[in-house]
Amino acid sequence: MAQKIILASSSPFRRTLLENAGLTFSVQAANIDERAAEAPLLAGDVGPQDIALVLAEAKAGVVSDTDPDALIIGADQTLSLGDELLHKPADMDAARKHLLKLSGRTHQLNSAVVLVQNGRTLWRHVDSADLTMRDLNPGFIGRYLSAVGDKALLSVGAYQLEGRGIQLFDTIKGDYFTIIGLPILPLLDELRRLEAIDG
């Protein structure tokens, strides 16, 4: 019998990556308060990569409690700008402020992925990418947000590189899938090693 795989994420981008890779899986978003889980980590001076890992494990653990035998994929992404962490914008005004803050500067996207089964973490991985935005004037930001609409609220940086968001950048250094929010090549390698997918 094939291994049951569950993606513990509501992200349409992660779902599409796994579907495009040919995986058979179900989706069960984890119901956790990410900001509450993150607060003690920030107070304890935990870095953005480790925060992404802890949140990915927390999501996978919650879903594993409901279906212990399944192999749960947990994922999370943080955006760090120097010592500051940015979160998904709550509305278009917050998205505008995000982009003004990121304009002309380099930020990091830190993407973590974990595999959990029976409440036990079997594997964890985190990767980072460096993204440098162009100097954006407020008028361009307004036109960009008007063009992309609510899609700006779906990602932590208020952009999607696979769409119009690519126009915001000068340089990008890092794995494309890490930027999208799921380091899929190491994940697929581990799933093959675990014989959860055909190798």
Protein backbone atom coordinates (compact mmCIF):
# COMPACT_ATOMS: atom_id res chain seq x y z
CA MET A 1 0.00 0.00 0.00
CA ALA A 2 1.34 3.44 -0.98
CA GLN A 3 2.43 5.79 1.76
CA LYS A 4 -0.22 8.41 2.54
CA ILE A 5 1.25 11.89 2.22
CA ILE A 6 -0.38 15.05 3.58
CA LEU A 7 0.72 18.61 2.92
CA ALA A 8 0.14 20.62 6.11
CA SER A 9 -0.16 23.93 4.29
CA SER A 10 -2.88 26.02 2.69
CA SER A 11 -0.38 27.61 0.28
CA PRO A 12 -1.59 27.29 -3.31
CA PHE A 13 2.03 27.67 -4.46
CA ARG A 14 3.28 24.69 -2.46
CA ARG A 15 0.33 22.59 -3.56
CA THR A 16 1.02 23.40 -7.22
CA LEU A 17 4.71 22.52 -6.89
CA LEU A 18 3.88 19.08 -5.49
CA GLU A 19 1.13 18.49 -8.05
CA ASN A 20 3.46 19.47 -10.90
CA ALA A 21 6.06 17.03 -9.53
CA GLY A 22 3.48 14.24 -9.85
CA LEU A 23 2.98 13.50 -6.16
CA THR A 24 -0.23 11.99 -4.85
CA PHE A 25 -1.14 13.75 -1.62
CA SER A 26 -3.92 15.42 0.30
CA VAL A 27 -3.96 18.85 1.88
CA GLN A 28 -4.79 19.59 5.50
CA ALA A 29 -3.90 23.07 6.64
CA ALA A 30 -2.56 23.23 10.18
CA ASN A 31 -4.54 25.45 12.52
CA ILE A 32 -1.86 27.15 14.60
CA ASP A 33 -1.33 30.73 15.72
CA GLU A 34 1.99 31.41 14.01
CA ARG A 35 2.57 34.75 15.69
CA ALA A 36 1.99 33.23 19.15
CA ALA A 37 4.37 30.36 18.34
CA GLU A 38 6.94 32.80 17.01
CA ALA A 39 6.88 35.27 19.92
CA PRO A 40 9.02 33.28 22.40
CA LEU A 41 11.49 32.48 19.61
CA LEU A 42 11.96 36.15 18.82
CA ALA A 43 12.33 36.92 22.53
CA GLY A 44 14.97 34.20 22.74
CA ASP A 45 16.94 35.68 19.83
CA VAL A 46 16.29 32.66 17.56
CA GLY A 47 17.31 33.29 13.96
CA PRO A 48 14.92 33.47 10.99
CA GLN A 49 15.98 30.11 9.55
CA ASP A 50 15.35 28.34 12.85
CA ILE A 51 12.01 30.13 13.25
CA ALA A 52 10.95 28.81 9.85
CA LEU A 53 11.96 25.29 10.91
CA VAL A 54 10.12 25.47 14.25
CA LEU A 55 6.94 26.74 12.57
CA ALA A 56 7.15 24.08 9.85
CA GLU A 57 7.50 21.38 12.52
CA ALA A 58 4.64 22.84 14.55
CA LYS A 59 2.32 22.74 11.53
CA ALA A 60 3.30 19.19 10.62
CA GLY A 61 2.97 18.06 14.24
CA VAL A 62 -0.59 19.35 14.54
CA VAL A 63 -1.64 17.49 11.39
CA SER A 64 0.26 14.36 12.44
CA ASP A 65 -1.84 14.25 15.61
CA THR A 66 -4.95 13.80 13.44
CA ASP A 67 -3.46 11.15 11.12
CA PRO A 68 -0.43 9.59 12.85
CA ASP A 69 0.48 7.01 10.20
CA ALA A 70 0.56 9.52 7.36
CA LEU A 71 3.77 11.21 6.25
CA ILE A 72 3.23 14.92 6.87
CA ILE A 73 5.00 17.64 4.91
CA GLY A 74 5.27 20.81 6.96
CA ALA A 75 6.64 24.02 5.48
CA ASP A 76 7.13 27.62 6.47
CA GLN A 77 8.88 30.68 5.13
CA THR A 78 10.23 33.75 6.88
CA LEU A 79 11.37 37.01 5.34
CA SER A 80 14.24 38.71 7.11
CA LEU A 81 15.39 42.25 6.44
CA GLY A 82 18.46 42.68 8.60
CA ASP A 83 17.27 41.91 12.13
CA GLU A 84 13.59 42.44 11.29
CA LEU A 85 11.08 39.75 10.33
CA LEU A 86 8.25 40.73 8.00
CA HIS A 87 4.94 38.85 7.85
CA LYS A 88 2.22 38.53 5.26
CA PRO A 89 0.58 41.95 4.81
CA ALA A 90 -2.90 42.12 6.31
CA ASP A 91 -4.20 44.58 3.71
CA MET A 92 -3.08 46.62 0.71
CA ASP A 93 -1.81 49.47 2.89
CA ALA A 94 0.45 47.02 4.74
CA ALA A 95 1.60 45.60 1.37
CA ARG A 96 2.51 49.12 0.24
CA LYS A 97 4.52 49.70 3.43
CA HIS A 98 6.29 46.35 2.96
CA LEU A 99 7.40 47.28 -0.53
CA LEU A 100 8.53 50.75 0.52
CA LYS A 101 10.62 49.15 3.27
CA LEU A 102 12.13 46.54 0.92
CA SER A 103 12.80 49.03 -1.88
CA GLY A 104 16.50 49.32 -2.76
CA ARG A 105 17.51 46.77 -0.13
CA THR A 106 18.47 43.10 0.06
CA HIS A 107 16.28 40.73 2.05
CA GLN A 108 16.37 37.00 2.70
CA LEU A 109 13.66 34.42 2.18
CA ASN A 110 14.18 31.42 4.48
CA SER A 111 12.18 28.35 3.49
CA ALA A 112 11.93 25.32 5.76
CA VAL A 113 10.43 21.91 5.06
CA VAL A 114 10.06 18.97 7.43
CA LEU A 115 8.68 15.44 7.34
CA VAL A 116 6.79 14.21 10.41
CA GLN A 117 5.22 10.82 11.09
CA ASN A 118 3.60 9.59 14.28
CA GLY A 119 4.45 12.93 15.88
CA ARG A 120 8.18 12.42 15.26
CA THR A 121 10.28 14.60 12.98
CA LEU A 122 12.01 12.33 10.46
CA TRP A 123 13.78 15.02 8.44
CA ARG A 124 14.21 18.78 8.33
CA HIS A 125 15.75 21.16 5.83
CA VAL A 126 16.05 24.92 5.46
CA ASP A 127 17.44 27.04 2.65
CA SER A 128 17.77 30.79 2.07
CA ALA A 129 17.82 33.09 -0.92
CA ASP A 130 18.98 36.71 -1.20
CA LEU A 131 16.76 39.11 -3.12
CA THR A 132 17.63 42.73 -3.90
CA MET A 133 14.79 45.03 -4.89
CA ARG A 134 15.15 47.94 -7.25
CA ASP A 135 14.63 51.43 -5.93
CA LEU A 136 10.86 51.67 -6.26
CA ASN A 137 9.04 54.97 -6.36
CA PRO A 138 5.66 55.22 -4.61
CA GLY A 139 3.81 55.69 -7.90
CA PHE A 140 5.19 52.45 -9.32
CA ILE A 141 4.33 50.59 -6.11
CA GLY A 142 0.76 51.86 -6.32
CA ARG A 143 0.42 50.76 -9.95
CA TYR A 144 1.96 47.37 -9.17
CA LEU A 145 -0.43 46.73 -6.27
CA SER A 146 -3.39 47.85 -8.37
CA ALA A 147 -2.35 45.36 -11.08
CA VAL A 148 -1.79 42.34 -8.80
CA GLY A 149 -4.66 43.04 -6.41
CA ASP A 150 -5.20 40.67 -3.49
CA LYS A 151 -2.43 38.35 -4.72
CA ALA A 152 -0.08 40.76 -2.94
CA LEU A 153 -1.53 39.53 0.35
CA LEU A 154 -0.71 35.86 -0.30
CA SER A 155 3.03 36.07 0.26
CA VAL A 156 5.22 37.50 2.97
CA GLY A 157 6.96 39.96 0.65
CA ALA A 158 3.81 41.10 -1.19
CA TYR A 159 5.13 39.66 -4.47
CA GLN A 160 5.21 36.48 -6.53
CA LEU A 161 8.29 36.04 -8.69
CA GLU A 162 6.41 33.83 -11.13
CA GLY A 163 4.20 36.81 -11.99
CA ARG A 164 4.47 40.58 -12.16
CA GLY A 165 6.56 40.60 -8.97
CA ILE A 166 9.69 39.80 -10.99
CA GLN A 167 9.67 43.45 -12.09
CA LEU A 168 10.49 44.56 -8.54
CA PHE A 169 14.00 43.10 -8.48
CA ASP A 170 17.56 43.96 -9.45
CA THR A 171 19.24 40.69 -8.45
CA ILE A 172 18.23 37.32 -7.04
CA LYS A 173 20.63 34.76 -5.61
CA GLY A 174 19.21 31.42 -4.58
CA ASP A 175 17.06 28.48 -5.50
CA TYR A 176 13.81 29.34 -7.28
CA PHE A 177 11.78 26.79 -5.29
CA THR A 178 13.16 28.16 -2.01
CA ILE A 179 11.85 31.56 -3.07
CA ILE A 180 8.43 30.11 -3.93
CA GLY A 181 8.33 28.62 -0.42
CA LEU A 182 9.23 24.92 -0.74
CA PRO A 183 12.78 23.58 -1.34
CA ILE A 184 11.36 20.78 -3.42
CA LEU A 185 14.51 19.07 -4.74
CA PRO A 186 15.82 18.01 -1.30
CA LEU A 187 12.25 17.11 -0.29
CA LEU A 188 11.82 14.80 -3.28
CA ASP A 189 15.21 13.25 -2.59
CA GLU A 190 14.21 12.47 0.99
CA LEU A 191 10.81 11.11 -0.03
CA ARG A 192 12.60 8.73 -2.42
CA ARG A 193 15.03 7.72 0.32
CA LEU A 194 12.07 6.93 2.59
CA GLU A 195 10.49 5.00 -0.30
CA ALA A 196 7.41 7.22 0.03
CA ILE A 197 7.52 7.96 -3.70
CA ASP A 198 8.83 6.00 -6.66
CA GLY A 199 12.57 6.35 -7.09
